[in-house]
């Protein structure tokens, strides 16, 4: 499992993939997966990592990490999973949609900032 997750580029290292398995962030066919679990084409895998939650189906196996195009050929992501990740990304962007004021703060602005921080 950990080698395939690494080869499919869900994690940068095999040790990160193994750690995710140990923490229960990887499920295979509805059950928590251990790092040494054997995969076969057709398995349904749920991967929770920094990029979001992926609901995928294993299409091919590989023990070698190749280019991104080859890695994407190893699995097929469900449309529901793709839509959920897109929605979550939009929500995160909406939370951080703050436009800083243009240019440097004026002397008056600096004084307001200092008084707000309690540094009279």
Protein backbone atom coordinates (compact mmCIF):
# COMPACT_ATOMS: atom_id res chain seq x y z
CA UNK A 1 0.00 0.00 0.00
CA UNK A 2 2.65 2.53 1.01
CA UNK A 3 4.73 1.83 -2.09
CA UNK A 4 1.74 2.28 -4.40
CA UNK A 5 0.68 5.52 -2.67
CA UNK A 6 4.23 6.81 -3.14
CA UNK A 7 4.35 5.68 -6.79
CA UNK A 8 0.93 7.30 -7.46
CA UNK A 9 2.33 10.56 -6.00
CA UNK A 10 -0.11 10.98 -3.14
CA UNK A 11 2.88 11.32 -0.78
CA UNK A 12 6.43 12.54 -1.33
CA UNK A 13 8.08 9.66 0.53
CA UNK A 14 7.18 6.10 1.41
CA UNK A 15 7.67 6.88 5.08
CA UNK A 16 4.97 9.60 4.86
CA UNK A 17 2.65 7.13 3.12
CA UNK A 18 3.32 4.50 5.79
CA UNK A 19 2.71 7.04 8.55
CA UNK A 20 -0.63 8.02 6.97
CA UNK A 21 -1.63 4.34 6.95
CA UNK A 22 -0.70 3.97 10.61
CA UNK A 23 -2.73 7.08 11.53
CA UNK A 24 -5.82 5.67 9.77
CA UNK A 25 -5.90 8.22 6.96
CA UNK A 26 -5.94 5.48 4.31
CA UNK A 27 -8.86 3.11 3.82
CA UNK A 28 -9.06 0.28 1.34
CA UNK A 29 -12.50 -1.15 0.53
CA UNK A 30 -13.95 0.49 3.64
CA UNK A 31 -11.33 -0.83 6.10
CA UNK A 32 -8.29 0.86 7.61
CA UNK A 33 -5.22 -0.09 5.57
CA UNK A 34 -1.82 -1.06 6.91
CA UNK A 35 1.35 -0.09 4.99
CA UNK A 36 2.05 -3.68 3.92
CA UNK A 37 -1.43 -4.34 2.53
CA UNK A 38 -1.48 -5.79 -0.98
CA UNK A 39 -3.48 -3.87 -3.57
CA UNK A 40 -5.10 -5.19 -6.70
CA UNK A 41 -6.82 -3.44 -9.60
CA UNK A 42 -10.41 -2.63 -8.74
CA UNK A 43 -9.78 -1.81 -5.06
CA UNK A 44 -11.51 1.31 -3.76
CA UNK A 45 -9.10 3.50 -1.76
CA UNK A 46 -9.85 6.59 0.33
CA UNK A 47 -6.79 8.81 0.82
CA UNK A 48 -6.79 11.79 3.19
CA UNK A 49 -3.72 14.00 2.78
CA UNK A 50 -2.82 17.70 2.68
CA UNK A 51 -4.45 18.09 -0.75
CA UNK A 52 -7.83 16.83 0.46
CA UNK A 53 -9.74 13.58 0.55
CA UNK A 54 -9.50 11.40 -2.56
CA UNK A 55 -11.98 8.59 -3.35
CA UNK A 56 -10.19 6.53 -6.00
CA UNK A 57 -10.24 3.19 -7.74
CA UNK A 58 -6.96 1.39 -8.39
CA UNK A 59 -6.50 0.84 -12.13
CA UNK A 60 -2.90 -0.41 -12.29
CA UNK A 61 -0.09 -1.32 -9.93
CA UNK A 62 3.42 0.08 -9.82
CA UNK A 63 6.35 -0.15 -7.46
CA UNK A 64 8.36 2.51 -9.30
CA UNK A 65 7.79 6.24 -8.95
CA UNK A 66 7.60 7.73 -12.41
CA UNK A 67 6.47 10.98 -13.98
CA UNK A 68 3.16 12.56 -12.96
CA UNK A 69 1.43 11.44 -16.17
CA UNK A 70 2.32 7.80 -15.44
CA UNK A 71 1.21 8.20 -11.80
CA UNK A 72 -2.21 9.52 -12.83
CA UNK A 73 -2.72 6.44 -14.97
CA UNK A 74 -2.54 4.24 -11.85
CA UNK A 75 -5.92 5.35 -10.47
CA UNK A 76 -9.29 6.83 -11.39
CA UNK A 77 -10.88 9.42 -9.11
CA UNK A 78 -14.65 9.51 -8.73
CA UNK A 79 -16.56 12.58 -9.88
CA UNK A 80 -18.07 13.04 -6.40
CA UNK A 81 -14.59 13.10 -4.87
CA UNK A 82 -13.33 15.60 -7.42
CA UNK A 83 -16.35 17.87 -6.84
CA UNK A 84 -15.96 17.68 -3.05
CA UNK A 85 -12.26 18.61 -3.24
CA UNK A 86 -13.07 21.51 -5.59
CA UNK A 87 -15.77 22.77 -3.19
CA UNK A 88 -13.40 22.51 -0.21
CA UNK A 89 -10.72 24.45 -2.10
CA UNK A 90 -13.20 27.20 -2.95
CA UNK A 91 -14.26 27.38 0.71
CA UNK A 92 -10.64 27.74 1.83
CA UNK A 93 -10.06 30.50 -0.71
CA UNK A 94 -13.20 32.34 0.41
CA UNK A 95 -11.96 32.31 4.01
CA UNK A 96 -8.66 33.89 3.02
CA UNK A 97 -10.01 36.43 0.55
CA UNK A 98 -8.43 39.53 2.05
CA UNK A 99 -6.93 42.27 -0.03
CA UNK A 100 -4.24 44.21 1.79
CA UNK A 101 -4.34 47.97 1.38
CA UNK A 102 -2.22 49.25 -1.49
CA UNK A 103 1.17 50.68 -0.59
CA UNK A 104 2.76 51.36 2.76
CA UNK A 105 0.74 52.52 5.76
CA UNK A 106 0.72 56.23 6.43
CA UNK A 107 1.92 57.72 9.70
CA UNK A 108 -1.70 57.86 10.87
CA UNK A 109 -2.23 54.20 9.91
CA UNK A 110 0.94 53.15 11.78
CA UNK A 111 -0.25 54.95 14.90
CA UNK A 112 -3.63 53.21 14.68
CA UNK A 113 -1.90 49.83 14.26
CA UNK A 114 0.34 50.47 17.26
CA UNK A 115 -2.56 51.56 19.44
CA UNK A 116 -4.56 48.50 18.35
CA UNK A 117 -1.65 46.24 19.34
CA UNK A 118 -1.40 48.05 22.67
CA UNK A 119 1.98 49.65 22.02
CA UNK A 120 1.20 53.30 22.63
